[in-house]
N, C-alpha and C. Protein backbone atom coordinates (compact mmCIF):
# COMPACT_ATOMS: atom_id res chain seq x y z
N MET A 1 119.48 114.87 84.33
CA MET A 1 118.52 115.75 84.96
C MET A 1 117.13 115.38 84.46
N GLY A 2 116.18 115.43 85.39
CA GLY A 2 114.80 115.14 85.06
C GLY A 2 113.91 116.33 85.33
N PHE A 3 112.60 116.08 85.29
CA PHE A 3 111.65 117.14 85.61
C PHE A 3 110.45 116.56 86.33
N ILE A 4 109.71 117.44 86.98
CA ILE A 4 108.51 117.06 87.71
C ILE A 4 107.36 116.97 86.71
N GLU A 5 106.71 115.82 86.67
CA GLU A 5 105.57 115.63 85.77
C GLU A 5 104.25 115.98 86.45
N ALA A 6 104.13 115.64 87.73
CA ALA A 6 102.88 115.92 88.46
C ALA A 6 103.19 115.99 89.95
N VAL A 7 102.35 116.72 90.68
CA VAL A 7 102.42 116.76 92.14
C VAL A 7 101.04 116.40 92.69
N CYS A 8 101.04 115.63 93.78
CA CYS A 8 99.80 115.09 94.32
C CYS A 8 99.81 115.18 95.85
N MET A 9 98.63 115.26 96.44
CA MET A 9 98.53 115.24 97.90
C MET A 9 97.13 114.81 98.31
N SER A 10 97.00 114.45 99.58
CA SER A 10 95.69 114.13 100.16
C SER A 10 95.74 114.44 101.65
N GLU A 11 94.60 114.74 102.19
CA GLU A 11 94.51 115.07 103.62
C GLU A 11 94.34 113.84 104.49
N GLN A 12 94.11 112.65 103.86
CA GLN A 12 93.93 111.41 104.60
C GLN A 12 94.93 110.37 104.13
N LYS A 13 95.34 109.52 105.05
CA LYS A 13 96.21 108.40 104.70
C LYS A 13 95.36 107.26 104.13
N GLY A 14 95.99 106.41 103.32
CA GLY A 14 95.32 105.22 102.81
C GLY A 14 94.36 105.49 101.66
N VAL A 15 94.42 106.67 101.06
CA VAL A 15 93.55 106.97 99.92
C VAL A 15 94.41 107.43 98.75
N VAL A 16 93.80 107.43 97.58
CA VAL A 16 94.47 107.94 96.38
C VAL A 16 94.71 109.43 96.57
N LYS A 17 95.87 109.89 96.16
CA LYS A 17 96.18 111.32 96.25
C LYS A 17 95.63 112.04 95.03
N ASN A 18 95.30 113.31 95.21
CA ASN A 18 94.76 114.12 94.13
C ASN A 18 95.87 114.93 93.47
N VAL A 19 95.81 115.04 92.15
CA VAL A 19 96.75 115.89 91.43
C VAL A 19 96.39 117.34 91.74
N VAL A 20 97.40 118.13 92.08
CA VAL A 20 97.20 119.55 92.39
C VAL A 20 98.17 120.39 91.54
N ARG A 21 97.94 121.69 91.49
CA ARG A 21 98.79 122.58 90.69
C ARG A 21 100.15 122.80 91.32
N GLU A 22 100.21 122.79 92.65
CA GLU A 22 101.47 122.99 93.34
C GLU A 22 101.40 122.40 94.74
N ILE A 23 102.58 122.11 95.27
CA ILE A 23 102.69 121.70 96.67
C ILE A 23 103.73 122.61 97.32
N VAL A 24 103.59 122.77 98.64
CA VAL A 24 104.55 123.57 99.39
C VAL A 24 105.21 122.64 100.39
N LEU A 25 106.52 122.50 100.26
CA LEU A 25 107.29 121.64 101.16
C LEU A 25 107.90 122.49 102.26
N ARG A 26 107.80 121.95 103.48
CA ARG A 26 108.34 122.64 104.65
C ARG A 26 109.48 121.81 105.24
N LYS A 27 110.59 122.45 105.52
CA LYS A 27 111.78 121.78 106.07
C LYS A 27 111.42 120.96 107.31
N GLY A 28 111.85 119.70 107.31
CA GLY A 28 111.65 118.83 108.46
C GLY A 28 110.22 118.39 108.68
N TRP A 29 109.32 118.68 107.75
CA TRP A 29 107.91 118.36 107.93
C TRP A 29 107.31 117.62 106.74
N GLY A 30 107.55 118.13 105.54
CA GLY A 30 106.95 117.52 104.36
C GLY A 30 106.04 118.50 103.65
N ILE A 31 104.98 117.99 103.06
CA ILE A 31 104.08 118.82 102.26
C ILE A 31 102.98 119.39 103.14
N GLU A 32 102.85 120.70 103.13
CA GLU A 32 101.80 121.35 103.92
C GLU A 32 100.44 120.83 103.47
N GLY A 33 99.65 120.33 104.42
CA GLY A 33 98.31 119.83 104.15
C GLY A 33 98.22 118.37 103.75
N ASP A 34 99.36 117.70 103.60
CA ASP A 34 99.34 116.28 103.21
C ASP A 34 99.34 115.39 104.44
N ALA A 35 98.59 114.30 104.37
CA ALA A 35 98.43 113.40 105.52
C ALA A 35 99.74 112.75 105.96
N HIS A 36 100.70 112.60 105.07
CA HIS A 36 101.96 111.94 105.42
C HIS A 36 103.02 112.90 105.96
N ALA A 37 102.70 114.17 106.04
CA ALA A 37 103.65 115.14 106.58
C ALA A 37 103.86 114.88 108.07
N GLY A 38 105.02 115.21 108.56
CA GLY A 38 105.31 115.04 109.98
C GLY A 38 106.80 114.87 110.20
N GLU A 39 107.16 114.76 111.44
CA GLU A 39 108.57 114.62 111.80
C GLU A 39 108.96 113.14 111.76
N TRP A 40 109.09 112.61 110.55
CA TRP A 40 109.49 111.23 110.35
C TRP A 40 110.26 111.12 109.05
N HIS A 41 110.67 109.93 108.66
CA HIS A 41 111.57 109.76 107.53
C HIS A 41 110.87 109.66 106.16
N ARG A 42 109.56 109.51 106.13
CA ARG A 42 108.85 109.39 104.84
C ARG A 42 107.93 110.59 104.64
N GLN A 43 108.50 111.78 104.60
CA GLN A 43 107.71 113.00 104.47
C GLN A 43 107.17 113.21 103.06
N VAL A 44 107.90 112.76 102.06
CA VAL A 44 107.52 112.96 100.66
C VAL A 44 107.82 111.68 99.89
N SER A 45 106.89 111.27 99.02
CA SER A 45 107.12 110.08 98.20
C SER A 45 107.24 110.47 96.73
N LEU A 46 108.15 109.79 96.04
CA LEU A 46 108.38 110.04 94.63
C LEU A 46 108.24 108.74 93.86
N LEU A 47 107.77 108.86 92.63
CA LEU A 47 107.64 107.71 91.75
C LEU A 47 107.98 108.18 90.34
N ALA A 48 108.70 107.36 89.61
CA ALA A 48 109.08 107.71 88.23
C ALA A 48 107.88 107.55 87.30
N GLY A 49 107.69 108.52 86.44
CA GLY A 49 106.62 108.44 85.44
C GLY A 49 106.78 107.22 84.55
N GLU A 50 108.02 106.82 84.29
CA GLU A 50 108.28 105.65 83.46
C GLU A 50 107.75 104.38 84.13
N SER A 51 107.80 104.31 85.46
CA SER A 51 107.24 103.16 86.19
C SER A 51 105.72 103.13 86.05
N ILE A 52 105.12 104.29 86.15
CA ILE A 52 103.66 104.38 85.98
C ILE A 52 103.27 103.98 84.56
N ASP A 53 104.06 104.39 83.57
CA ASP A 53 103.79 104.01 82.17
C ASP A 53 103.74 102.50 82.01
N ARG A 54 104.67 101.78 82.66
CA ARG A 54 104.68 100.32 82.56
C ARG A 54 103.41 99.72 83.15
N MET A 55 102.93 100.31 84.25
CA MET A 55 101.70 99.82 84.87
C MET A 55 100.48 100.16 84.00
N ARG A 56 100.55 101.24 83.23
CA ARG A 56 99.44 101.61 82.34
C ARG A 56 99.24 100.59 81.22
N GLU A 57 100.27 99.80 80.94
CA GLU A 57 100.11 98.73 79.95
C GLU A 57 99.07 97.72 80.43
N LYS A 58 98.97 97.53 81.75
CA LYS A 58 97.98 96.62 82.34
C LYS A 58 96.69 97.35 82.70
N MET A 59 96.81 98.63 83.07
CA MET A 59 95.67 99.43 83.51
C MET A 59 95.72 100.80 82.82
N PRO A 60 95.19 100.90 81.61
CA PRO A 60 95.31 102.14 80.84
C PRO A 60 94.72 103.38 81.52
N ASP A 61 93.77 103.21 82.40
CA ASP A 61 93.12 104.36 83.04
C ASP A 61 93.82 104.82 84.32
N LEU A 62 94.99 104.28 84.58
CA LEU A 62 95.75 104.64 85.77
C LEU A 62 96.12 106.12 85.74
N SER A 63 95.86 106.81 86.84
CA SER A 63 96.19 108.24 86.90
C SER A 63 97.22 108.50 87.99
N HIS A 64 97.82 109.69 87.92
CA HIS A 64 98.79 110.07 88.94
C HIS A 64 98.10 110.14 90.30
N GLY A 65 98.82 109.73 91.33
CA GLY A 65 98.30 109.74 92.69
C GLY A 65 97.72 108.41 93.15
N MET A 66 97.50 107.48 92.23
CA MET A 66 96.89 106.21 92.60
C MET A 66 97.79 105.33 93.46
N PHE A 67 99.09 105.58 93.44
CA PHE A 67 100.03 104.84 94.28
C PHE A 67 100.35 105.63 95.55
N ALA A 68 99.60 106.71 95.78
CA ALA A 68 99.79 107.62 96.91
C ALA A 68 101.13 108.35 96.82
N GLU A 69 101.63 108.54 95.61
CA GLU A 69 102.87 109.28 95.40
C GLU A 69 102.60 110.78 95.43
N ASN A 70 103.56 111.52 95.98
CA ASN A 70 103.44 112.97 96.02
C ASN A 70 104.02 113.64 94.78
N ILE A 71 105.13 113.11 94.30
CA ILE A 71 105.81 113.73 93.17
C ILE A 71 106.09 112.66 92.12
N VAL A 72 105.64 112.94 90.89
CA VAL A 72 105.93 112.06 89.75
C VAL A 72 107.01 112.74 88.93
N THR A 73 108.09 112.01 88.67
CA THR A 73 109.21 112.57 87.92
C THR A 73 109.27 111.95 86.53
N ARG A 74 110.06 112.56 85.69
CA ARG A 74 110.31 112.02 84.35
C ARG A 74 111.80 112.24 84.06
N SER A 75 112.44 111.23 83.51
CA SER A 75 113.86 111.29 83.09
C SER A 75 114.83 111.41 84.26
N LEU A 76 114.46 110.88 85.42
CA LEU A 76 115.38 110.80 86.56
C LEU A 76 115.54 109.31 86.88
N ASP A 77 116.75 108.79 86.79
CA ASP A 77 117.00 107.37 86.96
C ASP A 77 117.04 107.00 88.44
N PHE A 78 115.94 106.46 88.95
CA PHE A 78 115.85 106.08 90.35
C PHE A 78 116.79 104.94 90.70
N SER A 79 117.18 104.13 89.71
CA SER A 79 118.06 102.99 90.01
C SER A 79 119.44 103.45 90.47
N LEU A 80 119.78 104.71 90.23
CA LEU A 80 121.08 105.24 90.65
C LEU A 80 121.03 105.89 92.03
N LEU A 81 119.84 105.92 92.64
CA LEU A 81 119.70 106.55 93.94
C LEU A 81 119.92 105.55 95.06
N GLU A 82 120.43 106.05 96.17
CA GLU A 82 120.58 105.23 97.38
C GLU A 82 120.17 106.09 98.57
N VAL A 83 119.94 105.43 99.69
CA VAL A 83 119.60 106.16 100.91
C VAL A 83 120.73 107.14 101.20
N GLY A 84 120.37 108.38 101.48
CA GLY A 84 121.35 109.43 101.72
C GLY A 84 121.56 110.35 100.53
N ALA A 85 121.16 109.90 99.33
CA ALA A 85 121.29 110.75 98.15
C ALA A 85 120.39 111.98 98.32
N ARG A 86 120.83 113.08 97.72
CA ARG A 86 120.06 114.31 97.80
C ARG A 86 119.53 114.68 96.42
N LEU A 87 118.31 115.20 96.41
CA LEU A 87 117.67 115.63 95.18
C LEU A 87 117.35 117.11 95.27
N LEU A 88 117.73 117.85 94.25
CA LEU A 88 117.48 119.28 94.18
C LEU A 88 116.37 119.53 93.18
N ILE A 89 115.33 120.22 93.63
CA ILE A 89 114.22 120.59 92.76
C ILE A 89 114.34 122.08 92.47
N ASP A 90 114.42 122.39 91.17
CA ASP A 90 114.65 123.75 90.70
C ASP A 90 115.96 124.24 91.33
N THR A 91 115.95 125.32 92.08
CA THR A 91 117.20 125.79 92.66
C THR A 91 117.18 125.85 94.18
N ASP A 92 116.01 125.53 94.78
CA ASP A 92 115.95 125.76 96.23
C ASP A 92 115.40 124.63 97.07
N VAL A 93 114.60 123.73 96.54
CA VAL A 93 114.03 122.64 97.35
C VAL A 93 115.02 121.48 97.37
N LEU A 94 115.35 121.01 98.57
CA LEU A 94 116.32 119.94 98.71
C LEU A 94 115.73 118.80 99.52
N LEU A 95 115.76 117.60 98.96
CA LEU A 95 115.25 116.39 99.60
C LEU A 95 116.41 115.43 99.84
N GLU A 96 116.26 114.59 100.87
CA GLU A 96 117.23 113.53 101.11
C GLU A 96 116.50 112.19 101.10
N VAL A 97 117.00 111.26 100.30
CA VAL A 97 116.39 109.93 100.21
C VAL A 97 116.60 109.20 101.53
N THR A 98 115.50 108.72 102.12
CA THR A 98 115.57 108.02 103.40
C THR A 98 115.15 106.55 103.29
N GLN A 99 114.44 106.20 102.22
CA GLN A 99 113.97 104.82 102.07
C GLN A 99 113.65 104.59 100.60
N ILE A 100 113.93 103.37 100.14
CA ILE A 100 113.56 102.99 98.78
C ILE A 100 112.66 101.78 98.89
N GLY A 101 111.44 101.92 98.39
CA GLY A 101 110.44 100.87 98.47
C GLY A 101 109.75 100.84 99.82
N LYS A 102 108.60 100.14 99.86
CA LYS A 102 107.84 99.98 101.10
C LYS A 102 106.84 98.85 100.91
N GLU A 103 106.29 98.38 102.00
CA GLU A 103 105.24 97.37 101.91
C GLU A 103 103.91 98.04 101.65
N CYS A 104 103.08 97.40 100.84
CA CYS A 104 101.74 97.92 100.60
C CYS A 104 100.90 97.77 101.86
N HIS A 105 99.92 98.63 102.01
CA HIS A 105 99.02 98.56 103.16
C HIS A 105 98.30 97.21 103.18
N ASN A 106 98.17 96.64 104.35
CA ASN A 106 97.43 95.40 104.56
C ASN A 106 97.89 94.26 103.65
N GLY A 107 99.18 94.23 103.35
CA GLY A 107 99.73 93.14 102.55
C GLY A 107 99.49 93.27 101.06
N GLY A 108 98.77 94.26 100.61
CA GLY A 108 98.53 94.45 99.18
C GLY A 108 97.56 95.59 98.95
N CYS A 109 97.84 96.38 97.94
CA CYS A 109 96.98 97.52 97.64
C CYS A 109 95.98 97.15 96.55
N VAL A 110 95.09 98.07 96.24
CA VAL A 110 94.08 97.84 95.21
C VAL A 110 94.74 97.58 93.86
N ILE A 111 95.77 98.33 93.54
CA ILE A 111 96.47 98.15 92.26
C ILE A 111 97.05 96.74 92.17
N GLN A 112 97.66 96.29 93.25
CA GLN A 112 98.25 94.95 93.24
C GLN A 112 97.17 93.88 93.07
N SER A 113 96.03 94.06 93.71
CA SER A 113 94.97 93.06 93.58
C SER A 113 94.39 93.03 92.16
N LEU A 114 94.38 94.16 91.46
CA LEU A 114 93.85 94.21 90.11
C LEU A 114 94.84 93.74 89.05
N THR A 115 96.13 94.03 89.27
CA THR A 115 97.13 93.75 88.23
C THR A 115 98.08 92.63 88.60
N GLY A 116 98.11 92.25 89.86
CA GLY A 116 99.08 91.26 90.31
C GLY A 116 100.43 91.85 90.61
N ASP A 117 100.55 93.18 90.52
CA ASP A 117 101.83 93.83 90.76
C ASP A 117 101.59 95.24 91.26
N CYS A 118 102.51 95.74 92.07
CA CYS A 118 102.49 97.13 92.52
C CYS A 118 103.92 97.63 92.50
N ILE A 119 104.12 98.83 92.00
CA ILE A 119 105.47 99.33 91.83
C ILE A 119 106.03 100.04 93.05
N MET A 120 105.17 100.53 93.93
CA MET A 120 105.66 101.30 95.08
C MET A 120 106.60 100.47 95.99
N PRO A 121 106.32 99.20 96.27
CA PRO A 121 107.24 98.43 97.13
C PRO A 121 108.65 98.31 96.56
N LYS A 122 108.80 98.34 95.25
CA LYS A 122 110.12 98.18 94.63
C LYS A 122 110.70 99.49 94.12
N GLU A 123 109.85 100.40 93.69
CA GLU A 123 110.34 101.56 92.96
C GLU A 123 110.01 102.91 93.59
N GLY A 124 109.23 102.93 94.64
CA GLY A 124 108.93 104.19 95.31
C GLY A 124 110.14 104.69 96.08
N VAL A 125 110.33 106.00 96.09
CA VAL A 125 111.43 106.63 96.81
C VAL A 125 110.83 107.58 97.83
N PHE A 126 111.33 107.50 99.06
CA PHE A 126 110.82 108.33 100.14
C PHE A 126 111.92 109.26 100.63
N CYS A 127 111.52 110.48 100.97
CA CYS A 127 112.50 111.50 101.33
C CYS A 127 112.03 112.32 102.52
N LYS A 128 113.00 112.98 103.14
CA LYS A 128 112.70 114.03 104.10
C LYS A 128 113.11 115.35 103.46
N VAL A 129 112.49 116.42 103.93
CA VAL A 129 112.72 117.75 103.35
C VAL A 129 113.84 118.44 104.12
N LEU A 130 114.95 118.74 103.43
CA LEU A 130 116.06 119.46 104.04
C LEU A 130 115.92 120.97 103.84
N GLN A 131 115.32 121.34 102.74
CA GLN A 131 115.09 122.75 102.43
C GLN A 131 113.79 122.84 101.66
N GLY A 132 112.84 123.62 102.16
CA GLY A 132 111.51 123.66 101.59
C GLY A 132 111.34 124.68 100.49
N GLY A 133 110.11 124.72 99.99
CA GLY A 133 109.73 125.66 98.94
C GLY A 133 108.55 125.15 98.15
N ARG A 134 108.19 125.88 97.14
CA ARG A 134 107.05 125.55 96.29
C ARG A 134 107.52 124.65 95.15
N VAL A 135 106.71 123.61 94.82
CA VAL A 135 107.04 122.70 93.74
C VAL A 135 105.84 122.58 92.81
N THR A 136 106.10 122.72 91.51
CA THR A 136 105.05 122.61 90.49
C THR A 136 105.55 121.70 89.36
N PRO A 137 104.61 121.20 88.56
CA PRO A 137 105.04 120.44 87.38
C PRO A 137 105.95 121.29 86.50
N ASP A 138 106.81 120.62 85.78
CA ASP A 138 107.77 121.19 84.84
C ASP A 138 109.02 121.75 85.50
N MET A 139 109.10 121.76 86.84
CA MET A 139 110.36 122.14 87.48
C MET A 139 111.37 121.02 87.25
N ARG A 140 112.63 121.37 87.23
CA ARG A 140 113.65 120.35 87.03
C ARG A 140 113.98 119.70 88.39
N ILE A 141 114.42 118.45 88.32
CA ILE A 141 114.86 117.72 89.50
C ILE A 141 116.12 116.96 89.13
N GLU A 142 117.11 117.01 90.01
CA GLU A 142 118.37 116.33 89.73
C GLU A 142 119.03 115.89 91.02
N ARG A 143 119.91 114.94 90.88
CA ARG A 143 120.71 114.53 92.02
C ARG A 143 121.62 115.68 92.39
N SER A 144 121.73 115.94 93.68
CA SER A 144 122.51 117.07 94.15
C SER A 144 123.82 116.58 94.75
N GLY A 145 124.87 117.37 94.57
CA GLY A 145 126.16 117.05 95.16
C GLY A 145 126.28 117.71 96.52
N SER A 146 127.44 117.61 97.11
CA SER A 146 127.69 118.15 98.45
C SER A 146 127.63 119.66 98.51
N GLU A 147 127.63 120.34 97.34
CA GLU A 147 127.59 121.80 97.34
C GLU A 147 126.24 122.34 97.83
N HIS A 148 125.26 121.47 97.97
CA HIS A 148 123.95 121.91 98.44
C HIS A 148 123.67 121.49 99.88
N ILE A 149 124.70 121.38 100.68
CA ILE A 149 124.52 121.01 102.10
C ILE A 149 123.82 122.15 102.82
N VAL A 150 122.79 121.81 103.57
CA VAL A 150 122.02 122.80 104.31
C VAL A 150 122.56 122.88 105.72
N GLU A 151 122.82 124.08 106.20
CA GLU A 151 123.32 124.28 107.56
C GLU A 151 122.15 124.24 108.54
N GLY A 152 122.42 123.75 109.75
CA GLY A 152 121.44 123.77 110.84
C GLY A 152 120.44 122.74 110.68
């Protein structure tokens, strides 16, 4: 089991996301007010805090949201996730993994051009919202079993 380290959002695509105190996830839509919300498969993006730590070795001033991630986790092993896996946040928010990794915008992002590497194409996890709710730092996040199947 892991926990949420930070939550981030932005009203525009292609920009760094801002760290906020909380986000509200809506079923089948994503984060209320976030540019990536909508009826598609990448409603919410997650990145492991441990991955960001490795990038901080090259760029110490790196902050949350610079990879356009919505949720930063800690102590959740992303290498064990596959498309279709479900993640439960606290006791009520349920996400389903729809994609692992993605291509950077325009063939490379600012981070990649500065460091020669970007973690989102290999380590970013994208989800759709099966059951919404409020998410804040310090909430727990864990892989969910079939007992959390959402009806309808």
